[in-house]
Amino acid sequence: MSFDIVAIGEPMIEFNQTGQDDGLHYLQGFGGDSSNFIIAAARQGARTGYLTALGDDAYGRMFLDLWRAEGVDSAAVKIDPTAPTAVYFVTHDAGGHAFHFYRTGSAASRLAPSDIDRNYVSSARVVHCSGISLAISASACDACYTAVEAAKAAGRMVSFDTNLRLKLWPKDRARAVTTDMMSLCDICLPSYDDMLALTGIDDAEALVDFALARGARIVALKLGDRGAIVASATERHHIAPFPVRAQDATGAGDTFGGAFVARLLLGDDLATAGRYAAVAAAISTTGFGAVAPIPRADQVKKALESGA
């Protein structure tokens, strides 16, 4: 079987505060940046697969059911009977949303290079990983590098989202590994806040230049409510934010990335893929949770046609 995109990383069960009954109610959903990414890509029509490990528990089985329903292949997912599936909580207040993670010792954090099916990886046009995939453990970092090496050896492309979480690893190591992965990836999906923290550069254009100079062929710098910049060595486009009434921005950047890469593979040019991804990401903020509000292709196309 062949795929458009295979992602590697850590899925997490989500409990998202809804605001009901003084914040005592939580909506159970699904998260994990690379899982959000691959579901977003699948909902835009890409053929997708996921490579990870789950606990032999109810939450792990829920993820397998989710990916099956979304058309995400899970043949390369490992079941670890000695480790749990990770969980996180999202709380909301006037300052925005905050994450509280319970992932130490998770099944995905125990991934190792020996868990990577090189044939599975090389069957995809693009292999995707993130800063979180690299940060959850040394062995998971090595597993990501093994997947990237397999992809490059097979002449495939690599996409990389910086997704910086300094609670997971020291800043110096994060900077070194992130910069190195930029040199290996074809499509780089950094966020402004990540890049500012890692480089100290506060100019968005200079951050795009930084990523291109490290070796990325395509860069999509996510600017949050300021939109995005998508660029290559020969072109650069500023993508305006799409206006919505946002409720929860959880997973919006992952939705942008998954939609952007999917649309590139479906033949869009840079500007068209960037606009599409910005609209998809905006729509994903109009509901609670990382996965449930991710739009499908018909919703995005309708919004693009309306221009509202």
Protein backbone atom coordinates (compact mmCIF):
# COMPACT_ATOMS: atom_id res chain seq x y z
CA MET A 1 0.00 0.00 0.00
CA SER A 2 1.21 3.51 -0.76
CA PHE A 3 0.41 6.75 1.04
CA ASP A 4 0.57 10.47 0.45
CA ILE A 5 1.67 11.16 4.03
CA VAL A 6 2.84 9.05 6.98
CA ALA A 7 3.29 10.81 10.33
CA ILE A 8 5.23 9.70 13.39
CA GLY A 9 4.62 10.93 16.91
CA GLU A 10 2.58 10.73 20.09
CA PRO A 11 -1.22 10.63 20.16
CA MET A 12 -2.88 11.85 23.36
CA ILE A 13 -6.36 11.54 24.79
CA GLU A 14 -7.77 15.02 25.39
CA PHE A 15 -10.03 16.36 28.13
CA ASN A 16 -11.08 19.90 27.20
CA GLN A 17 -12.76 22.27 29.65
CA THR A 18 -16.09 23.40 28.19
CA GLY A 19 -16.96 26.25 30.57
CA GLN A 20 -20.14 24.57 31.75
CA ASP A 21 -20.97 24.39 35.47
CA ASP A 22 -18.14 26.71 36.49
CA GLY A 23 -15.62 24.80 34.40
CA LEU A 24 -16.25 21.43 36.01
CA HIS A 25 -17.22 19.76 32.74
CA TYR A 26 -14.61 18.39 30.34
CA LEU A 27 -15.21 17.11 26.83
CA GLN A 28 -13.27 13.96 26.00
CA GLY A 29 -11.58 14.14 22.64
CA PHE A 30 -8.35 13.31 20.87
CA GLY A 31 -5.06 15.17 20.46
CA GLY A 32 -1.35 14.85 19.94
CA ASP A 33 0.10 17.15 17.31
CA SER A 34 1.11 14.56 14.74
CA SER A 35 -2.20 12.70 15.07
CA ASN A 36 -4.09 15.98 14.62
CA PHE A 37 -1.90 16.71 11.59
CA ILE A 38 -2.53 13.37 9.90
CA ILE A 39 -6.30 13.52 10.53
CA ALA A 40 -6.40 17.03 9.07
CA ALA A 41 -4.57 15.75 5.99
CA ALA A 42 -6.93 12.78 5.69
CA ARG A 43 -9.98 15.04 5.89
CA GLN A 44 -8.66 16.99 2.90
CA GLY A 45 -8.42 13.83 0.82
CA ALA A 46 -4.85 12.63 1.38
CA ARG A 47 -4.03 8.92 1.74
CA THR A 48 -2.53 8.69 5.20
CA GLY A 49 -0.83 6.41 7.70
CA TYR A 50 0.42 6.81 11.25
CA LEU A 51 3.38 5.33 13.06
CA THR A 52 3.31 5.33 16.86
CA ALA A 53 2.80 3.18 19.96
CA LEU A 54 -0.29 2.93 22.15
CA GLY A 55 -0.96 1.43 25.53
CA ASP A 56 -2.99 -1.76 25.70
CA ASP A 57 -5.82 0.19 27.29
CA ALA A 58 -9.23 1.70 26.55
CA TYR A 59 -7.70 4.94 25.31
CA GLY A 60 -5.43 3.13 22.89
CA ARG A 61 -8.39 1.24 21.47
CA MET A 62 -10.28 4.53 21.11
CA PHE A 63 -7.46 5.87 18.96
CA LEU A 64 -7.48 2.80 16.74
CA ASP A 65 -11.23 3.27 16.24
CA LEU A 66 -10.73 6.97 15.50
CA TRP A 67 -8.06 6.41 12.85
CA ARG A 68 -10.12 3.66 11.26
CA ALA A 69 -13.09 6.03 11.02
CA GLU A 70 -10.89 8.78 9.58
CA GLY A 71 -9.24 6.57 6.98
CA VAL A 72 -5.81 6.78 8.62
CA ASP A 73 -3.93 3.50 8.26
CA SER A 74 -2.67 2.09 11.58
CA ALA A 75 -0.90 -1.06 10.40
CA ALA A 76 2.41 0.26 11.78
CA VAL A 77 1.03 1.17 15.21
CA LYS A 78 2.65 -0.80 18.03
CA ILE A 79 0.68 -1.89 21.11
CA ASP A 80 2.78 -1.70 24.29
CA PRO A 81 1.22 -3.73 27.14
CA THR A 82 3.55 -2.18 29.74
CA ALA A 83 2.95 1.54 29.10
CA PRO A 84 -0.11 3.83 29.00
CA THR A 85 -1.58 5.97 26.28
CA ALA A 86 -0.83 9.61 27.14
CA VAL A 87 -3.48 12.07 28.37
CA TYR A 88 -3.75 15.86 28.59
CA PHE A 89 -6.21 18.44 29.87
CA VAL A 90 -7.03 21.85 28.38
CA THR A 91 -8.28 24.67 30.60
CA HIS A 92 -9.58 28.06 29.44
CA ASP A 93 -9.56 31.51 31.01
CA ALA A 94 -9.38 35.16 29.96
CA GLY A 95 -5.76 34.68 28.94
CA GLY A 96 -6.52 31.85 26.51
CA HIS A 97 -6.02 28.10 26.82
CA ALA A 98 -3.50 26.17 28.90
CA PHE A 99 -2.33 22.57 28.57
CA HIS A 100 -1.64 20.09 31.37
CA PHE A 101 0.12 16.93 30.18
CA TYR A 102 0.34 13.45 31.70
CA ARG A 103 2.68 11.69 29.30
CA THR A 104 5.73 10.51 31.27
CA GLY A 105 6.47 6.92 30.33
CA SER A 106 3.80 6.81 27.64
CA ALA A 107 3.86 4.05 25.06
CA ALA A 108 4.78 6.53 22.31
CA SER A 109 7.71 7.86 24.34
CA ARG A 110 9.16 4.34 24.27
CA LEU A 111 9.33 4.23 20.49
CA ALA A 112 12.78 3.22 19.28
CA PRO A 113 14.52 2.93 15.90
CA SER A 114 13.76 -0.79 15.87
CA ASP A 115 10.03 0.07 15.81
CA ILE A 116 10.31 1.89 12.49
CA ASP A 117 9.15 -0.10 9.46
CA ARG A 118 11.37 1.40 6.77
CA ASN A 119 9.25 -0.06 3.97
CA TYR A 120 6.13 1.51 5.48
CA VAL A 121 7.85 4.89 5.72
CA SER A 122 9.29 4.74 2.22
CA SER A 123 5.84 3.96 0.79
CA ALA A 124 4.75 7.55 1.54
CA ARG A 125 5.37 10.61 -0.60
CA VAL A 126 5.92 12.66 2.57
CA VAL A 127 6.99 11.62 6.08
CA HIS A 128 6.05 14.02 8.86
CA CYS A 129 7.38 14.54 12.37
CA SER A 130 7.41 17.40 14.87
CA GLY A 131 9.42 18.94 17.65
CA ILE A 132 7.24 17.06 20.12
CA SER A 133 7.90 13.77 18.34
CA LEU A 134 11.61 14.49 18.80
CA ALA A 135 11.36 15.74 22.39
CA ILE A 136 9.33 13.11 24.24
CA SER A 137 12.38 10.85 24.72
CA ALA A 138 15.84 10.16 23.34
CA SER A 139 14.67 6.88 21.81
CA ALA A 140 11.67 8.54 20.14
CA CYS A 141 14.02 11.19 18.75
CA ASP A 142 16.21 8.44 17.30
CA ALA A 143 13.11 6.74 15.88
CA CYS A 144 12.14 9.96 14.09
CA TYR A 145 15.62 10.27 12.62
CA THR A 146 15.42 6.66 11.44
CA ALA A 147 12.12 7.42 9.69
CA VAL A 148 13.53 10.56 8.10
CA GLU A 149 16.65 8.71 6.92
CA ALA A 150 14.48 5.97 5.40
CA ALA A 151 12.37 8.56 3.61
CA LYS A 152 15.36 10.41 2.24
CA ALA A 153 17.02 7.19 1.10
CA ALA A 154 13.87 6.34 -0.85
CA GLY A 155 13.75 9.79 -2.46
CA ARG A 156 10.70 10.86 -0.45
CA MET A 157 9.98 14.23 1.11
CA VAL A 158 10.01 15.17 4.80
CA SER A 159 7.77 17.70 6.53
CA PHE A 160 8.58 19.08 9.96
CA ASP A 161 6.59 21.17 12.43
CA THR A 162 8.78 22.85 15.07
CA ASN A 163 6.12 22.57 17.83
CA LEU A 164 8.45 23.66 20.61
CA ARG A 165 7.73 22.42 24.15
CA LEU A 166 10.54 23.51 26.45
CA LYS A 167 9.07 21.50 29.34
CA LEU A 168 10.10 18.40 27.41
CA TRP A 169 13.76 19.18 26.74
CA PRO A 170 16.49 21.78 27.39
CA LYS A 171 16.48 24.83 25.15
CA ASP A 172 20.01 24.22 23.83
CA ARG A 173 19.13 20.68 22.75
CA ALA A 174 15.81 21.86 21.30
CA ARG A 175 17.62 24.51 19.26
CA ALA A 176 20.27 22.07 18.00
CA VAL A 177 17.85 19.28 17.04
CA THR A 178 15.26 21.61 15.54
CA THR A 179 17.86 23.36 13.41
CA ASP A 180 19.26 20.03 12.28
CA MET A 181 15.81 18.74 11.31
CA MET A 182 15.24 21.93 9.31
CA SER A 183 18.28 20.96 7.26
CA LEU A 184 16.75 17.55 6.52
CA CYS A 185 13.17 18.55 5.78
CA ASP A 186 11.63 19.65 2.50
CA ILE A 187 8.59 21.35 4.03
CA CYS A 188 9.13 23.30 7.26
CA LEU A 189 6.11 24.34 9.33
CA PRO A 190 7.42 26.60 12.11
CA SER A 191 5.38 28.92 14.30
CA TYR A 192 6.46 32.47 15.03
CA ASP A 193 6.55 31.93 18.80
CA ASP A 194 8.67 28.78 18.46
CA MET A 195 11.19 30.46 16.22
CA LEU A 196 11.38 33.59 18.34
CA ALA A 197 12.13 31.45 21.41
CA LEU A 198 14.79 29.41 19.61
CA THR A 199 16.53 32.14 17.64
CA GLY A 200 15.74 35.46 19.32
CA ILE A 201 14.76 36.82 15.89
CA ASP A 202 11.54 38.82 16.09
CA ASP A 203 11.09 39.71 12.42
CA ALA A 204 8.81 37.28 10.59
CA GLU A 205 10.52 37.74 7.23
CA ALA A 206 13.91 37.07 8.80
CA LEU A 207 12.54 33.89 10.40
CA VAL A 208 11.40 32.64 7.00
CA ASP A 209 14.88 33.42 5.66
CA PHE A 210 16.41 31.53 8.60
CA ALA A 211 14.44 28.36 7.82
CA LEU A 212 15.15 28.56 4.09
CA ALA A 213 18.85 29.08 4.76
CA ARG A 214 18.95 25.91 6.87
CA GLY A 215 17.82 23.89 3.85
CA ALA A 216 14.01 23.70 3.86
CA ARG A 217 12.67 23.99 0.32
CA ILE A 218 9.24 25.26 1.40
CA VAL A 219 8.48 27.21 4.58
CA ALA A 220 5.06 28.00 6.03
CA LEU A 221 5.55 30.31 9.01
CA LYS A 222 2.41 30.28 11.15
CA LEU A 223 1.63 33.69 12.65
CA GLY A 224 -1.52 32.84 14.63
CA ASP A 225 -4.17 35.54 14.29
CA ARG A 226 -1.87 37.41 11.88
CA GLY A 227 -2.11 34.70 9.24
CA ALA A 228 0.97 33.08 7.73
CA ILE A 229 3.87 33.50 5.32
CA VAL A 230 4.48 30.74 2.78
CA ALA A 231 7.72 30.80 0.85
CA SER A 232 10.31 29.03 -1.24
CA ALA A 233 13.61 30.26 -2.64
CA THR A 234 11.78 31.88 -5.57
CA GLU A 235 8.46 33.13 -4.17
CA ARG A 236 6.88 34.46 -0.99
CA HIS A 237 3.24 35.08 -0.09
CA HIS A 238 1.57 36.70 2.91
CA ILE A 239 -1.60 34.82 3.81
CA ALA A 240 -4.23 36.92 5.56
CA PRO A 241 -6.08 35.43 8.55
CA PHE A 242 -9.57 34.12 7.86
CA PRO A 243 -12.17 35.77 10.14
CA VAL A 244 -14.11 33.45 12.45
CA ARG A 245 -15.55 33.55 15.95
CA ALA A 246 -12.92 31.42 17.68
CA GLN A 247 -13.70 29.33 20.76
CA ASP A 248 -10.66 27.08 21.14
CA ALA A 249 -7.37 27.24 19.24
CA THR A 250 -6.22 23.77 20.32
CA GLY A 251 -4.70 22.00 17.30
CA ALA A 252 -5.15 24.91 14.89
CA GLY A 253 -1.48 24.87 13.89
CA ASP A 254 -1.63 21.11 13.32
CA THR A 255 -4.69 21.58 11.12
CA PHE A 256 -2.84 24.23 9.12
CA GLY A 257 0.10 21.89 8.59
CA GLY A 258 -1.92 18.84 7.62
CA ALA A 259 -4.10 20.81 5.23
CA PHE A 260 -1.11 22.65 3.72
CA VAL A 261 0.90 19.51 2.96
CA ALA A 262 -2.17 17.67 1.68
CA ARG A 263 -3.04 20.47 -0.70
CA LEU A 264 0.54 20.72 -1.99
CA LEU A 265 0.45 17.00 -2.76
CA LEU A 266 -2.90 17.44 -4.50
CA GLY A 267 -1.29 19.96 -6.84
CA ASP A 268 -1.93 23.39 -5.33
CA ASP A 269 0.68 26.11 -5.75
CA LEU A 270 2.19 27.70 -2.63
CA ALA A 271 -0.23 30.60 -2.33
CA THR A 272 -3.31 28.47 -2.94
CA ALA A 273 -2.22 25.83 -0.44
CA GLY A 274 -1.42 28.53 2.11
CA ARG A 275 -4.79 30.20 1.78
CA TYR A 276 -6.57 26.85 1.99
CA ALA A 277 -4.62 25.87 5.12
CA ALA A 278 -5.31 29.22 6.80
CA VAL A 279 -9.04 28.79 6.25
CA ALA A 280 -8.96 25.19 7.53
CA ALA A 281 -7.05 26.26 10.65
CA ALA A 282 -9.47 29.12 11.33
CA ILE A 283 -12.50 26.86 11.03
CA SER A 284 -10.90 24.40 13.45
CA THR A 285 -10.98 27.07 16.20
CA THR A 286 -14.77 27.43 16.07
CA GLY A 287 -15.40 24.33 18.20
CA PHE A 288 -13.88 22.70 21.26
CA GLY A 289 -11.13 20.12 21.04
CA ALA A 290 -8.25 19.40 18.69
CA VAL A 291 -9.90 16.89 16.34
CA ALA A 292 -13.68 17.28 16.29
CA PRO A 293 -13.68 20.78 14.70
CA ILE A 294 -11.09 19.98 11.99
CA PRO A 295 -13.00 20.72 8.78
CA ARG A 296 -13.37 18.45 5.81
CA ALA A 297 -12.55 19.54 2.29
CA ASP A 298 -16.12 20.52 1.38
CA GLN A 299 -16.34 22.86 4.39
CA VAL A 300 -13.06 24.56 3.52
CA LYS A 301 -13.99 24.96 -0.13
CA LYS A 302 -17.37 26.43 0.82
CA ALA A 303 -15.67 28.96 3.10
CA LEU A 304 -13.16 29.87 0.39
CA GLU A 305 -15.96 30.43 -2.09
CA SER A 306 -17.91 32.60 0.35
CA GLY A 307 -14.86 34.70 1.18
CA ALA A 308 -16.41 35.48 4.56
